Amino acid sequence: QVRLVESGGGSVQPGGSLKLSCTTSGFTFSAYAITWHRQAPGKQREPIAVISRTGSTTNYADSVKGRFTISRDNTKNTAYLQMNNLTPDDTAVYYCGGPDASRGQGTQVTVSS
């Protein structure tokens, strides 16, 4: 079955960086766009970045544009989210999304001094 597993979250200070990974199985990874979402406490889940099947096209929410970079390695069935210049507003659970609204269990990112 479709499986997505996020990893790489943690606690960092403002201005720090983290790189999240989304390891997948159970579907043809290269056939699907991949989306990263996040959900902050008390807020709705929001999409923040999407990458096309080949990786040639990416789009970002305004809140992360210029700071986050989405990428993928179709040979490893894995997507990534490089997050730089983190702020406390980036504190959330981060999820990757695949086919048919599938998503993983999420990984917690906490930005605090």
N, C-alpha and C. Protein backbone atom coordinates (compact mmCIF):
# COMPACT_ATOMS: atom_id res chain seq x y z
N GLN A 1 0.83 -1.18 0.00
CA GLN A 1 0.00 0.00 0.00
C GLN A 1 0.88 1.25 0.00
N VAL A 2 0.25 2.38 -0.30
CA VAL A 2 0.97 3.65 -0.33
C VAL A 2 1.47 3.99 1.07
N ARG A 3 2.75 4.34 1.14
CA ARG A 3 3.34 4.71 2.43
C ARG A 3 4.29 5.88 2.24
N LEU A 4 4.15 6.87 3.10
CA LEU A 4 5.04 8.02 3.12
C LEU A 4 5.52 8.21 4.55
N VAL A 5 6.81 8.38 4.73
CA VAL A 5 7.39 8.54 6.06
C VAL A 5 8.27 9.79 6.06
N GLU A 6 7.87 10.76 6.87
CA GLU A 6 8.64 11.98 7.01
C GLU A 6 9.68 11.84 8.11
N SER A 7 10.80 12.49 7.95
CA SER A 7 11.85 12.50 8.97
C SER A 7 12.65 13.78 8.84
N GLY A 8 13.46 14.03 9.86
CA GLY A 8 14.35 15.18 9.81
C GLY A 8 13.91 16.37 10.64
N GLY A 9 12.75 16.27 11.26
CA GLY A 9 12.30 17.38 12.10
C GLY A 9 13.12 17.49 13.36
N GLY A 10 12.86 18.54 14.12
CA GLY A 10 13.57 18.75 15.36
C GLY A 10 13.36 20.15 15.88
N SER A 11 14.19 20.53 16.83
CA SER A 11 14.13 21.86 17.43
C SER A 11 15.35 22.66 16.99
N VAL A 12 15.10 23.87 16.54
CA VAL A 12 16.18 24.75 16.10
C VAL A 12 15.91 26.16 16.59
N GLN A 13 16.96 26.96 16.62
CA GLN A 13 16.81 28.36 16.97
C GLN A 13 16.40 29.17 15.74
N PRO A 14 15.80 30.32 15.95
CA PRO A 14 15.47 31.19 14.81
C PRO A 14 16.72 31.47 13.96
N GLY A 15 16.52 31.41 12.66
CA GLY A 15 17.64 31.57 11.74
C GLY A 15 18.30 30.28 11.34
N GLY A 16 17.93 29.20 12.00
CA GLY A 16 18.53 27.91 11.72
C GLY A 16 17.94 27.23 10.50
N SER A 17 18.45 26.03 10.23
CA SER A 17 18.03 25.27 9.05
C SER A 17 17.74 23.83 9.43
N LEU A 18 16.85 23.23 8.67
CA LEU A 18 16.57 21.79 8.76
C LEU A 18 16.29 21.28 7.36
N LYS A 19 16.56 20.00 7.17
CA LYS A 19 16.19 19.36 5.90
C LYS A 19 15.32 18.15 6.22
N LEU A 20 14.10 18.20 5.72
CA LEU A 20 13.16 17.11 5.91
C LEU A 20 13.24 16.14 4.74
N SER A 21 12.98 14.88 5.03
CA SER A 21 12.92 13.85 4.00
C SER A 21 11.55 13.18 4.02
N CYS A 22 11.12 12.74 2.87
CA CYS A 22 9.86 12.00 2.71
C CYS A 22 10.19 10.74 1.92
N THR A 23 10.28 9.65 2.62
CA THR A 23 10.60 8.37 2.00
C THR A 23 9.31 7.64 1.68
N THR A 24 9.20 7.15 0.43
CA THR A 24 7.92 6.59 0.00
C THR A 24 8.04 5.16 -0.50
N SER A 25 6.92 4.46 -0.53
CA SER A 25 6.84 3.13 -1.09
C SER A 25 5.39 2.84 -1.44
N GLY A 26 5.19 1.80 -2.25
CA GLY A 26 3.84 1.37 -2.56
C GLY A 26 3.19 2.03 -3.75
N PHE A 27 3.90 2.92 -4.42
CA PHE A 27 3.39 3.53 -5.64
C PHE A 27 4.56 3.95 -6.51
N THR A 28 4.27 4.27 -7.76
CA THR A 28 5.31 4.68 -8.71
C THR A 28 5.64 6.14 -8.44
N PHE A 29 6.67 6.36 -7.64
CA PHE A 29 7.02 7.68 -7.15
C PHE A 29 7.16 8.70 -8.28
N SER A 30 7.82 8.31 -9.35
CA SER A 30 8.11 9.25 -10.43
C SER A 30 6.86 9.66 -11.21
N ALA A 31 5.73 9.03 -10.95
CA ALA A 31 4.50 9.33 -11.68
C ALA A 31 3.64 10.38 -10.99
N TYR A 32 4.07 10.86 -9.83
CA TYR A 32 3.22 11.75 -9.04
C TYR A 32 3.97 12.99 -8.56
N ALA A 33 3.26 14.11 -8.59
CA ALA A 33 3.76 15.29 -7.89
C ALA A 33 3.73 15.02 -6.39
N ILE A 34 4.61 15.68 -5.68
CA ILE A 34 4.68 15.55 -4.23
C ILE A 34 4.50 16.93 -3.60
N THR A 35 3.71 16.97 -2.55
CA THR A 35 3.44 18.22 -1.85
C THR A 35 3.89 18.12 -0.41
N TRP A 36 4.44 19.20 0.10
CA TRP A 36 4.69 19.33 1.53
C TRP A 36 3.61 20.25 2.10
N HIS A 37 3.06 19.82 3.24
CA HIS A 37 2.07 20.61 3.97
C HIS A 37 2.62 20.83 5.38
N ARG A 38 1.98 21.76 6.09
CA ARG A 38 2.28 21.88 7.51
C ARG A 38 1.02 22.29 8.26
N GLN A 39 1.00 21.93 9.52
CA GLN A 39 -0.11 22.31 10.39
C GLN A 39 0.43 22.83 11.70
N ALA A 40 0.21 24.10 11.94
CA ALA A 40 0.64 24.72 13.19
C ALA A 40 -0.45 24.54 14.24
N PRO A 41 -0.08 24.62 15.51
CA PRO A 41 -1.08 24.47 16.58
C PRO A 41 -2.23 25.44 16.42
N GLY A 42 -3.45 24.90 16.43
CA GLY A 42 -4.64 25.74 16.34
C GLY A 42 -4.95 26.26 14.96
N LYS A 43 -4.19 25.80 13.96
CA LYS A 43 -4.41 26.30 12.60
C LYS A 43 -4.71 25.14 11.66
N GLN A 44 -5.29 25.47 10.51
CA GLN A 44 -5.56 24.46 9.51
C GLN A 44 -4.28 24.04 8.80
N ARG A 45 -4.29 22.82 8.29
CA ARG A 45 -3.16 22.35 7.50
C ARG A 45 -3.08 23.16 6.21
N GLU A 46 -1.88 23.56 5.82
CA GLU A 46 -1.70 24.37 4.62
C GLU A 46 -0.63 23.76 3.73
N PRO A 47 -0.85 23.75 2.42
CA PRO A 47 0.21 23.33 1.51
C PRO A 47 1.26 24.42 1.41
N ILE A 48 2.53 24.06 1.41
CA ILE A 48 3.58 25.05 1.36
C ILE A 48 4.52 24.88 0.17
N ALA A 49 4.59 23.70 -0.40
CA ALA A 49 5.49 23.49 -1.54
C ALA A 49 5.03 22.27 -2.32
N VAL A 50 5.20 22.34 -3.63
CA VAL A 50 4.85 21.22 -4.50
C VAL A 50 5.91 21.10 -5.58
N ILE A 51 6.19 19.86 -5.94
CA ILE A 51 7.17 19.60 -6.98
C ILE A 51 6.55 18.64 -8.00
N SER A 52 6.81 18.90 -9.26
CA SER A 52 6.26 18.08 -10.33
C SER A 52 6.92 16.72 -10.37
N ARG A 53 6.40 15.85 -11.22
CA ARG A 53 6.88 14.47 -11.28
C ARG A 53 8.38 14.39 -11.59
N THR A 54 8.84 15.23 -12.49
CA THR A 54 10.25 15.18 -12.87
C THR A 54 11.12 16.10 -12.03
N GLY A 55 10.48 16.96 -11.25
CA GLY A 55 11.23 17.94 -10.48
C GLY A 55 11.51 19.22 -11.22
N SER A 56 11.01 19.34 -12.44
CA SER A 56 11.32 20.51 -13.25
C SER A 56 10.53 21.74 -12.84
N THR A 57 9.41 21.53 -12.14
CA THR A 57 8.57 22.64 -11.73
C THR A 57 8.30 22.58 -10.23
N THR A 58 8.47 23.71 -9.58
CA THR A 58 8.17 23.81 -8.15
C THR A 58 7.34 25.07 -7.89
N ASN A 59 6.54 25.01 -6.86
CA ASN A 59 5.78 26.17 -6.44
C ASN A 59 5.76 26.23 -4.91
N TYR A 60 5.68 27.45 -4.40
CA TYR A 60 5.76 27.65 -2.95
C TYR A 60 4.68 28.61 -2.46
N ALA A 61 4.27 28.40 -1.23
CA ALA A 61 3.42 29.39 -0.58
C ALA A 61 4.25 30.64 -0.31
N ASP A 62 3.59 31.78 -0.31
CA ASP A 62 4.31 33.04 -0.08
C ASP A 62 5.05 33.03 1.24
N SER A 63 4.50 32.33 2.22
CA SER A 63 5.09 32.33 3.57
C SER A 63 6.47 31.66 3.62
N VAL A 64 6.79 30.83 2.64
CA VAL A 64 8.07 30.12 2.66
C VAL A 64 8.94 30.42 1.45
N LYS A 65 8.40 31.15 0.49
CA LYS A 65 9.13 31.41 -0.75
C LYS A 65 10.44 32.13 -0.45
N GLY A 66 11.51 31.64 -1.07
CA GLY A 66 12.84 32.22 -0.86
C GLY A 66 13.60 31.64 0.31
N ARG A 67 12.91 30.87 1.16
CA ARG A 67 13.57 30.27 2.32
C ARG A 67 13.57 28.75 2.25
N PHE A 68 12.53 28.17 1.67
CA PHE A 68 12.40 26.71 1.58
C PHE A 68 12.64 26.27 0.14
N THR A 69 13.21 25.06 -0.01
CA THR A 69 13.42 24.48 -1.33
C THR A 69 12.96 23.03 -1.31
N ILE A 70 12.05 22.71 -2.22
CA ILE A 70 11.58 21.34 -2.37
C ILE A 70 12.37 20.68 -3.49
N SER A 71 12.69 19.41 -3.30
CA SER A 71 13.42 18.66 -4.32
C SER A 71 13.02 17.19 -4.22
N ARG A 72 13.47 16.40 -5.17
CA ARG A 72 13.15 14.98 -5.16
C ARG A 72 14.26 14.21 -5.86
N ASP A 73 14.37 12.94 -5.47
CA ASP A 73 15.29 12.01 -6.11
C ASP A 73 14.47 10.79 -6.51
N ASN A 74 14.12 10.72 -7.79
CA ASN A 74 13.26 9.63 -8.24
C ASN A 74 13.97 8.28 -8.21
N THR A 75 15.29 8.26 -8.11
CA THR A 75 16.00 6.99 -7.99
C THR A 75 15.90 6.44 -6.56
N LYS A 76 15.58 7.31 -5.62
CA LYS A 76 15.48 6.89 -4.22
C LYS A 76 14.05 6.94 -3.69
N ASN A 77 13.09 7.31 -4.57
CA ASN A 77 11.68 7.43 -4.15
C ASN A 77 11.53 8.35 -2.94
N THR A 78 12.28 9.41 -2.93
CA THR A 78 12.34 10.31 -1.77
C THR A 78 12.23 11.76 -2.20
N ALA A 79 11.47 12.51 -1.44
CA ALA A 79 11.37 13.96 -1.62
C ALA A 79 11.98 14.65 -0.40
N TYR A 80 12.36 15.90 -0.60
CA TYR A 80 13.05 16.64 0.45
C TYR A 80 12.45 18.04 0.59
N LEU A 81 12.65 18.62 1.75
CA LEU A 81 12.31 20.02 1.96
C LEU A 81 13.44 20.65 2.76
N GLN A 82 14.24 21.47 2.08
CA GLN A 82 15.30 22.21 2.74
C GLN A 82 14.70 23.51 3.28
N MET A 83 14.84 23.74 4.57
CA MET A 83 14.24 24.90 5.21
C MET A 83 15.35 25.74 5.83
N ASN A 84 15.47 26.97 5.37
CA ASN A 84 16.50 27.90 5.85
C ASN A 84 15.86 29.11 6.51
N ASN A 85 16.65 29.80 7.30
CA ASN A 85 16.19 31.03 7.95
C ASN A 85 14.84 30.82 8.65
N LEU A 86 14.79 29.78 9.44
CA LEU A 86 13.54 29.43 10.12
C LEU A 86 13.16 30.48 11.16
N THR A 87 11.86 30.67 11.31
CA THR A 87 11.32 31.59 12.31
C THR A 87 10.32 30.84 13.20
N PRO A 88 9.97 31.41 14.34
CA PRO A 88 8.97 30.73 15.20
C PRO A 88 7.65 30.45 14.48
N ASP A 89 7.31 31.26 13.49
CA ASP A 89 6.07 31.01 12.73
C ASP A 89 6.13 29.74 11.90
N ASP A 90 7.31 29.17 11.73
CA ASP A 90 7.44 27.91 10.99
C ASP A 90 7.21 26.69 11.88
N THR A 91 7.02 26.90 13.16
CA THR A 91 6.74 25.79 14.06
C THR A 91 5.44 25.10 13.67
N ALA A 92 5.53 23.81 13.40
CA ALA A 92 4.37 23.05 12.91
C ALA A 92 4.75 21.59 12.77
N VAL A 93 3.74 20.77 12.51
CA VAL A 93 3.99 19.40 12.05
C VAL A 93 4.00 19.43 10.53
N TYR A 94 5.04 18.87 9.96
CA TYR A 94 5.21 18.90 8.50
C TYR A 94 4.90 17.51 7.92
N TYR A 95 4.09 17.51 6.87
CA TYR A 95 3.67 16.28 6.21
C TYR A 95 4.03 16.34 4.72
N CYS A 96 4.33 15.18 4.15
CA CYS A 96 4.40 15.12 2.69
C CYS A 96 3.17 14.40 2.18
N GLY A 97 2.76 14.78 0.99
CA GLY A 97 1.55 14.24 0.41
C GLY A 97 1.82 13.61 -0.93
N GLY A 98 1.16 12.47 -1.17
CA GLY A 98 1.32 11.75 -2.42
C GLY A 98 -0.01 11.52 -3.11
N PRO A 99 -0.15 10.41 -3.83
CA PRO A 99 -1.37 10.16 -4.59
C PRO A 99 -2.59 9.94 -3.72
N ASP A 100 -3.75 10.35 -4.25
CA ASP A 100 -5.04 10.11 -3.59
C ASP A 100 -5.06 10.66 -2.17
N ALA A 101 -4.50 11.83 -2.00
CA ALA A 101 -4.49 12.53 -0.70
C ALA A 101 -3.76 11.75 0.39
N SER A 102 -2.91 10.82 0.01
CA SER A 102 -2.15 10.09 1.01
C SER A 102 -1.12 11.01 1.66
N ARG A 103 -0.80 10.73 2.91
CA ARG A 103 0.23 11.49 3.60
C ARG A 103 0.79 10.67 4.73
N GLY A 104 1.94 11.11 5.22
CA GLY A 104 2.58 10.39 6.30
C GLY A 104 2.09 10.84 7.66
N GLN A 105 2.84 10.41 8.67
CA GLN A 105 2.44 10.72 10.05
C GLN A 105 2.93 12.09 10.48
N GLY A 106 3.81 12.66 9.71
CA GLY A 106 4.32 13.98 10.00
C GLY A 106 5.57 13.98 10.85
N THR A 107 6.30 15.09 10.80
CA THR A 107 7.47 15.28 11.63
C THR A 107 7.40 16.69 12.23
N GLN A 108 7.69 16.78 13.52
CA GLN A 108 7.54 18.04 14.23
C GLN A 108 8.76 18.94 14.01
N VAL A 109 8.50 20.18 13.69
CA VAL A 109 9.53 21.21 13.60
C VAL A 109 9.19 22.29 14.61
N THR A 110 10.14 22.59 15.50
CA THR A 110 9.94 23.62 16.52
C THR A 110 11.06 24.63 16.40
N VAL A 111 10.69 25.89 16.24
CA VAL A 111 11.66 26.97 16.12
C VAL A 111 11.49 27.89 17.33
N SER A 112 12.50 27.91 18.16
CA SER A 112 12.39 28.67 19.40
C SER A 112 13.77 29.02 19.92
N SER A 113 13.85 30.17 20.55
CA SER A 113 15.12 30.56 21.17
C SER A 113 15.16 30.12 22.63
